[in-house]
């Protein structure tokens, strides 16, 4: 398994601290650093900066959100970052949700599946370098009824640009299997992943005449090490409000892909009630419904032997890149956690 992490450039106490984290993570041997946008800093600006600070590590947009840029602007960004970094860029795309896309950016969220498919098609046509003429249900280039004629970019990618899709819903998972080079996943329970995720990915792969070997399965979770069972209990309790936010606050009143993913993996009743209480403003009550099992099943939190065992389960379930979110309140603590986690992944990957 490769190792990865995800950061937000503005997520640290200081912008420079995140840059220091990226540089030191490369020294620890991390393979991939994804940079998120969400509703904070933009990803491409930070990725260009981090490309100048690093030499070996792959850098990815994790993720650029559909609707915030035109497909051609996405392609321009990808080409620029790939060429600047010497071919180290991975293009991660995601639909986000109506709260961010409509509530923050003021553009329609409707039909994200069609928008994603057409965006990937257009981006790859731009990469190919020909004049762009495209007619889809969401995008028409050139704009019909105007005076413009098809154009091509004056630049080309000097290296392949792998495309990763962030997907949780069955339909988006099928599309990922059909058209993407990699899957950016979350809310992952390996014991239930065959039905909740891989069945849909495999359907898309088969549709395109591909196999699982053609897709990088990149799964992410927080990693934290507890010295003993008592400390583990405190760690688990501390994560319940964060999970309640994902189940109740990440999305609109009717659309929450994280909630749906947990529901498909055996927690439908709990997830529904957490969402109801969170939306009603009862945040503590929502967190109180989250069980220890829910936290431990979808994270890499535990004693060191526990984390090692869970990594084996992830590997055997089909994960090929493990995305680590290291716990810690200081840069030193986060790097120490990340370094030990990378060592464990290497141990597990080298074992039979």
Protein backbone atom coordinates (compact mmCIF):
# COMPACT_ATOMS: atom_id res chain seq x y z
CA UNK A 1 0.00 0.00 0.00
CA UNK A 2 1.12 3.54 -0.71
CA UNK A 3 0.79 6.14 2.03
CA UNK A 4 -0.98 9.49 1.70
CA UNK A 5 -2.44 12.30 3.75
CA UNK A 6 -4.85 15.17 3.19
CA UNK A 7 -4.39 18.71 4.48
CA UNK A 8 -6.04 22.07 4.03
CA UNK A 9 -3.54 24.88 3.49
CA UNK A 10 -5.36 27.14 5.95
CA UNK A 11 -6.05 24.32 8.41
CA UNK A 12 -3.05 24.82 10.70
CA UNK A 13 -2.47 27.51 13.28
CA UNK A 14 -0.17 29.17 10.78
CA UNK A 15 0.07 28.80 7.01
CA UNK A 16 3.78 28.12 7.30
CA UNK A 17 3.11 25.24 9.68
CA UNK A 18 1.24 23.34 6.96
CA UNK A 19 4.12 23.91 4.56
CA UNK A 20 6.54 22.59 7.18
CA UNK A 21 4.28 19.56 7.62
CA UNK A 22 4.35 18.81 3.89
CA UNK A 23 8.14 19.11 3.68
CA UNK A 24 8.71 16.90 6.72
CA UNK A 25 6.09 14.37 5.54
CA UNK A 26 8.07 13.89 2.34
CA UNK A 27 11.20 13.25 4.41
CA UNK A 28 9.28 10.59 6.35
CA UNK A 29 8.61 8.81 3.08
CA UNK A 30 4.98 9.77 2.46
CA UNK A 31 3.96 8.96 -1.11
CA UNK A 32 1.07 11.38 -1.74
CA UNK A 33 -0.16 14.64 -0.21
CA UNK A 34 -3.71 15.66 -1.12
CA UNK A 35 -4.78 19.28 -0.56
CA UNK A 36 -8.44 19.96 0.20
CA UNK A 37 -10.60 22.99 -0.52
CA UNK A 38 -13.94 22.43 1.25
CA UNK A 39 -14.92 25.99 2.27
CA UNK A 40 -11.42 27.16 3.21
CA UNK A 41 -8.37 27.94 1.14
CA UNK A 42 -8.22 26.97 -2.52
CA UNK A 43 -6.14 23.91 -3.41
CA UNK A 44 -4.23 24.88 -6.60
CA UNK A 45 -2.43 27.88 -5.09
CA UNK A 46 -1.15 25.77 -2.21
CA UNK A 47 -0.27 22.86 -4.50
CA UNK A 48 1.93 25.09 -6.65
CA UNK A 49 3.72 26.31 -3.54
CA UNK A 50 4.17 22.81 -2.13
CA UNK A 51 5.44 21.60 -5.52
CA UNK A 52 8.28 24.09 -5.19
CA UNK A 53 9.12 22.84 -1.69
CA UNK A 54 9.18 19.12 -2.49
CA UNK A 55 11.01 16.84 -4.92
CA UNK A 56 9.56 13.33 -4.87
CA UNK A 57 6.11 13.22 -3.30
CA UNK A 58 3.00 13.17 -5.47
CA UNK A 59 0.61 16.11 -4.93
CA UNK A 60 -3.11 15.98 -5.55
CA UNK A 61 -6.19 18.16 -5.42
CA UNK A 62 -8.34 16.48 -2.83
CA UNK A 63 -10.71 17.72 -4.18
CA UNK A 64 -11.56 20.40 -6.73
CA UNK A 65 -15.31 20.86 -6.42
CA UNK A 66 -17.55 20.69 -9.48
CA UNK A 67 -19.27 23.94 -10.27
CA UNK A 68 -16.54 26.17 -8.86
CA UNK A 69 -14.58 26.12 -12.15
CA UNK A 70 -15.43 25.35 -15.75
CA UNK A 71 -14.13 21.99 -17.02
CA UNK A 72 -11.57 23.77 -19.21
CA UNK A 73 -10.36 25.80 -16.22
CA UNK A 74 -9.97 22.50 -14.34
CA UNK A 75 -7.90 21.14 -17.24
CA UNK A 76 -5.75 24.30 -17.36
CA UNK A 77 -5.09 24.04 -13.63
CA UNK A 78 -4.19 20.35 -13.90
CA UNK A 79 -1.82 20.90 -16.82
CA UNK A 80 -0.10 23.80 -15.07
CA UNK A 81 0.39 21.92 -11.81
CA UNK A 82 1.53 18.75 -13.56
CA UNK A 83 4.08 20.55 -15.70
CA UNK A 84 5.35 22.70 -12.83
CA UNK A 85 5.83 19.67 -10.59
CA UNK A 86 7.49 17.47 -13.20
CA UNK A 87 4.53 15.10 -13.47
CA UNK A 88 3.77 14.76 -9.76
CA UNK A 89 0.19 16.05 -9.90
CA UNK A 90 -2.98 13.97 -9.39
CA UNK A 91 -6.32 15.55 -10.32
CA UNK A 92 -8.93 14.82 -7.67
CA UNK A 93 -12.50 15.89 -8.41
CA UNK A 94 -15.61 15.81 -6.23
CA UNK A 95 -19.23 16.86 -6.44
CA UNK A 96 -19.28 18.30 -2.90
CA UNK A 97 -22.87 18.96 -1.79
CA UNK A 98 -25.68 21.49 -2.13
CA UNK A 99 -24.73 23.41 1.02
CA UNK A 100 -21.30 24.36 -0.32
CA UNK A 101 -22.05 24.48 -4.04
CA UNK A 102 -25.33 26.40 -3.78
CA UNK A 103 -24.96 27.99 -0.35
CA UNK A 104 -21.42 29.29 -0.82
CA UNK A 105 -20.76 29.43 -4.56
CA UNK A 106 -24.29 30.18 -5.72
CA UNK A 107 -24.32 27.67 -8.59
CA UNK A 108 -26.76 24.77 -9.05
CA UNK A 109 -25.88 21.40 -7.53
CA UNK A 110 -28.44 19.51 -9.65
CA UNK A 111 -27.35 16.46 -11.66
CA UNK A 112 -23.85 16.05 -10.18
CA UNK A 113 -23.39 12.67 -11.88
CA UNK A 114 -23.85 14.09 -15.38
CA UNK A 115 -21.72 17.10 -14.47
CA UNK A 116 -18.93 14.81 -13.26
CA UNK A 117 -19.00 12.55 -16.32
CA UNK A 118 -18.95 15.49 -18.71
CA UNK A 119 -16.24 17.28 -16.76
CA UNK A 120 -13.94 14.24 -16.96
CA UNK A 121 -14.67 13.84 -20.69
CA UNK A 122 -13.92 17.50 -21.41
CA UNK A 123 -10.77 17.56 -19.25
CA UNK A 124 -9.34 14.56 -21.07
CA UNK A 125 -10.18 16.05 -24.48
CA UNK A 126 -8.30 19.18 -23.46
CA UNK A 127 -5.35 17.02 -22.37
CA UNK A 128 -5.36 15.42 -25.85
CA UNK A 129 -4.65 18.83 -27.37
CA UNK A 130 -7.19 19.09 -30.16
CA UNK A 131 -9.72 21.83 -30.80
CA UNK A 132 -12.54 21.44 -28.31
CA UNK A 133 -16.07 20.90 -29.56
CA UNK A 134 -18.41 19.32 -27.01
CA UNK A 135 -22.17 18.92 -26.66
CA UNK A 136 -23.53 17.44 -23.46
CA UNK A 137 -26.50 17.84 -21.16
CA UNK A 138 -24.56 20.15 -18.78
CA UNK A 139 -21.87 21.70 -20.98
CA UNK A 140 -21.74 22.93 -24.56
CA UNK A 141 -18.42 24.22 -25.92
CA UNK A 142 -18.31 26.56 -27.80
CA UNK A 143 -21.43 28.19 -26.37
CA UNK A 144 -24.29 27.70 -28.86
CA UNK A 145 -25.68 30.76 -30.60
CA UNK A 146 -22.55 32.84 -30.25
CA UNK A 147 -19.78 33.87 -32.60
CA UNK A 148 -17.05 31.61 -31.18
CA UNK A 149 -15.46 28.69 -32.97
CA UNK A 150 -13.70 25.68 -31.34
CA UNK A 151 -10.31 26.40 -29.78
CA UNK A 152 -7.44 24.44 -28.30
CA UNK A 153 -5.19 25.38 -25.42
CA UNK A 154 -1.76 26.71 -26.29
CA UNK A 155 -0.21 24.31 -23.77
CA UNK A 156 -0.19 20.54 -23.36
CA UNK A 157 0.50 18.24 -20.42
CA UNK A 158 4.06 16.96 -20.49
CA UNK A 159 3.15 13.98 -18.29
CA UNK A 160 0.08 11.79 -17.73
CA UNK A 161 -2.42 13.34 -15.29
CA UNK A 162 -4.28 10.63 -13.35
CA UNK A 163 -7.90 11.50 -12.51
CA UNK A 164 -9.34 10.51 -9.13
CA UNK A 165 -13.00 10.86 -8.15
CA UNK A 166 -14.29 11.36 -4.62
CA UNK A 167 -17.36 9.16 -4.48
CA UNK A 168 -19.73 7.74 -1.87
CA UNK A 169 -23.05 7.17 -3.64
CA UNK A 170 -23.59 3.98 -5.70
CA UNK A 171 -24.04 5.91 -8.94
CA UNK A 172 -20.88 7.98 -8.45
CA UNK A 173 -18.97 4.85 -7.46
CA UNK A 174 -20.03 3.15 -10.70
CA UNK A 175 -18.87 6.20 -12.65
CA UNK A 176 -15.55 6.11 -10.78
CA UNK A 177 -15.00 2.50 -11.77
CA UNK A 178 -15.87 3.32 -15.36
CA UNK A 179 -13.81 6.46 -16.01
CA UNK A 180 -11.32 7.22 -13.21
CA UNK A 181 -7.76 6.22 -12.44
CA UNK A 182 -8.42 6.27 -8.71
CA UNK A 183 -11.13 6.42 -6.04
CA UNK A 184 -10.92 8.84 -3.11
CA UNK A 185 -13.10 7.29 -0.42
CA UNK A 186 -14.02 7.88 3.17
CA UNK A 187 -16.44 6.54 5.81
CA UNK A 188 -14.89 3.15 5.03
CA UNK A 189 -15.73 0.01 6.96
CA UNK A 190 -13.68 -2.79 5.37
CA UNK A 191 -15.96 -5.51 6.72
CA UNK A 192 -18.91 -4.04 4.82
CA UNK A 193 -17.04 -2.55 1.88
CA UNK A 194 -17.82 -5.33 -0.60
CA UNK A 195 -21.51 -4.46 -0.72
CA UNK A 196 -21.37 -0.79 0.16
CA UNK A 197 -18.57 0.22 -2.21
CA UNK A 198 -16.76 -2.42 -4.24
CA UNK A 199 -19.84 -3.95 -5.87
CA UNK A 200 -20.59 -0.56 -7.45
CA UNK A 201 -16.96 0.16 -8.35
CA UNK A 202 -16.63 -3.28 -9.94
CA UNK A 203 -19.82 -2.75 -11.96
CA UNK A 204 -18.33 0.42 -13.42
CA UNK A 205 -15.00 -1.27 -14.06
CA UNK A 206 -16.71 -4.12 -15.91
CA UNK A 207 -18.70 -1.65 -17.98
CA UNK A 208 -15.42 -0.18 -19.22
CA UNK A 209 -13.70 -3.56 -19.68
CA UNK A 210 -11.36 -2.89 -16.77
CA UNK A 211 -10.41 -4.69 -13.56
CA UNK A 212 -9.64 -3.65 -9.99
CA UNK A 213 -5.94 -3.50 -10.96
CA UNK A 214 -6.77 -0.46 -13.11
CA UNK A 215 -8.04 1.56 -10.13
CA UNK A 216 -6.10 2.99 -7.19
CA UNK A 217 -8.31 2.55 -4.12
CA UNK A 218 -7.31 5.44 -1.87
CA UNK A 219 -9.07 5.29 1.50
CA UNK A 220 -8.66 7.75 4.34
CA UNK A 221 -9.08 7.76 8.10
CA UNK A 222 -7.74 9.43 11.20
CA UNK A 223 -4.82 7.61 12.80
CA UNK A 224 -4.07 7.97 16.50
CA UNK A 225 -2.15 5.76 18.90
CA UNK A 226 -3.35 5.07 22.45
CA UNK A 227 -0.86 3.72 25.00
CA UNK A 228 -3.54 1.62 26.75
CA UNK A 229 -7.27 0.82 26.85
CA UNK A 230 -8.11 3.73 29.17
CA UNK A 231 -6.47 6.22 26.84
CA UNK A 232 -8.24 4.59 23.91
CA UNK A 233 -11.59 5.22 25.56
CA UNK A 234 -10.79 8.91 25.89
CA UNK A 235 -9.62 9.11 22.27
CA UNK A 236 -12.79 7.44 21.03
CA UNK A 237 -15.06 9.69 23.09
CA UNK A 238 -13.28 12.74 21.74
CA UNK A 239 -14.05 11.79 18.14
CA UNK A 240 -17.79 11.34 18.51
CA UNK A 241 -18.75 14.97 17.95
CA UNK A 242 -16.64 15.08 14.78
CA UNK A 243 -18.45 12.03 13.44
CA UNK A 244 -21.80 13.50 14.47
CA UNK A 245 -20.95 16.59 12.40
CA UNK A 246 -20.24 14.40 9.36
CA UNK A 247 -23.54 12.57 9.80
CA UNK A 248 -25.64 15.61 10.63
CA UNK A 249 -23.93 18.73 9.36
CA UNK A 250 -22.05 17.77 6.20
CA UNK A 251 -24.71 18.56 3.62
CA UNK A 252 -28.19 19.97 3.44
CA UNK A 253 -31.34 18.85 5.22
CA UNK A 254 -32.02 16.31 2.47
CA UNK A 255 -28.58 15.48 1.01
CA UNK A 256 -25.75 14.06 3.11
CA UNK A 257 -23.54 11.48 1.38
CA UNK A 258 -21.68 10.64 4.59
CA UNK A 259 -24.91 9.81 6.36
CA UNK A 260 -25.99 7.63 3.44
CA UNK A 261 -22.65 5.79 3.45
CA UNK A 262 -22.89 4.94 7.14
CA UNK A 263 -26.50 3.91 6.63
CA UNK A 264 -25.49 1.41 3.94
CA UNK A 265 -22.93 -0.11 6.32
CA UNK A 266 -25.33 -1.04 9.10
CA UNK A 267 -26.03 2.16 11.05
CA UNK A 268 -29.10 3.50 9.26
CA UNK A 269 -31.21 4.10 12.38
CA UNK A 270 -28.42 5.73 14.38
CA UNK A 271 -27.32 7.86 11.43
CA UNK A 272 -30.87 9.09 10.86
CA UNK A 273 -31.32 10.09 14.50
CA UNK A 274 -27.91 11.76 14.70
CA UNK A 275 -28.83 13.82 11.65
CA UNK A 276 -32.23 14.75 13.09
CA UNK A 277 -30.78 15.91 16.39
CA UNK A 278 -27.90 17.78 14.73
CA UNK A 279 -30.25 19.60 12.37
CA UNK A 280 -32.43 20.51 15.38
CA UNK A 281 -29.44 22.11 17.09
CA UNK A 282 -28.87 19.38 19.69
CA UNK A 283 -25.18 18.81 18.93
CA UNK A 284 -24.35 17.12 22.23
CA UNK A 285 -27.34 14.83 21.90
CA UNK A 286 -26.28 13.90 18.38
CA UNK A 287 -22.74 13.10 19.53
CA UNK A 288 -24.12 11.01 22.37
CA UNK A 289 -25.77 8.65 19.90
CA UNK A 290 -22.49 7.84 18.13
CA UNK A 291 -21.15 4.50 19.36
CA UNK A 292 -17.57 3.44 20.04
CA UNK A 293 -17.97 0.84 17.30
CA UNK A 294 -18.83 3.50 14.72
CA UNK A 295 -15.67 5.46 15.57
CA UNK A 296 -13.30 2.49 15.65
CA UNK A 297 -14.73 0.80 12.55
CA UNK A 298 -14.10 3.81 10.30
CA UNK A 299 -10.80 5.09 11.73
CA UNK A 300 -7.30 3.83 12.48
CA UNK A 301 -7.50 4.75 16.15
CA UNK A 302 -6.25 2.26 18.72
CA UNK A 303 -3.27 0.80 20.45
CA UNK A 304 -0.38 0.09 18.10
CA UNK A 305 -1.25 -3.62 17.75
CA UNK A 306 -4.87 -2.66 17.01
CA UNK A 307 -3.84 -0.21 14.27
CA UNK A 308 -1.51 -2.80 12.76
CA UNK A 309 -4.36 -5.33 12.64
CA UNK A 310 -6.73 -2.83 11.08
CA UNK A 311 -4.19 -1.96 8.40
CA UNK A 312 -4.02 -5.64 7.47
CA UNK A 313 -7.80 -5.70 7.18
CA UNK A 314 -7.74 -2.60 4.97
CA UNK A 315 -5.07 -4.14 2.74
CA UNK A 316 -6.97 -7.41 2.43
CA UNK A 317 -10.20 -5.53 1.64
CA UNK A 318 -8.57 -3.99 -1.43
CA UNK A 319 -7.13 -0.65 -0.31
CA UNK A 320 -4.04 0.21 -2.35
CA UNK A 321 -3.32 3.69 -0.92
CA UNK A 322 -4.05 4.44 2.73
CA UNK A 323 -4.70 8.12 3.44
CA UNK A 324 -3.62 8.96 6.99
CA UNK A 325 -4.98 11.90 9.02
CA UNK A 326 -2.49 11.99 11.91
CA UNK A 327 -3.75 13.11 15.30
CA UNK A 328 -1.84 15.65 17.34
CA UNK A 329 -2.13 19.19 18.65
CA UNK A 330 1.33 20.30 17.55
CA UNK A 331 3.35 19.89 14.37
CA UNK A 332 5.76 17.59 16.20
CA UNK A 333 2.94 15.36 17.46
CA UNK A 334 1.29 15.11 14.04
CA UNK A 335 4.56 14.21 12.36
CA UNK A 336 5.41 11.65 15.04
CA UNK A 337 2.03 9.98 14.54
CA UNK A 338 2.38 10.09 10.77
CA UNK A 339 5.90 8.67 10.87
CA UNK A 340 4.89 5.70 13.01
CA UNK A 341 1.83 5.07 10.85
CA UNK A 342 3.97 5.04 7.69
CA UNK A 343 6.27 2.50 9.33
CA UNK A 344 3.31 0.29 10.21
CA UNK A 345 1.94 0.45 6.66
CA UNK A 346 5.34 -0.65 5.36
CA UNK A 347 5.47 -3.51 7.87
CA UNK A 348 1.98 -4.68 6.92
CA UNK A 349 2.62 -4.27 3.21
CA UNK A 350 5.79 -6.33 3.44
CA UNK A 351 4.17 -9.12 5.44
CA UNK A 352 2.29 -12.01 3.91
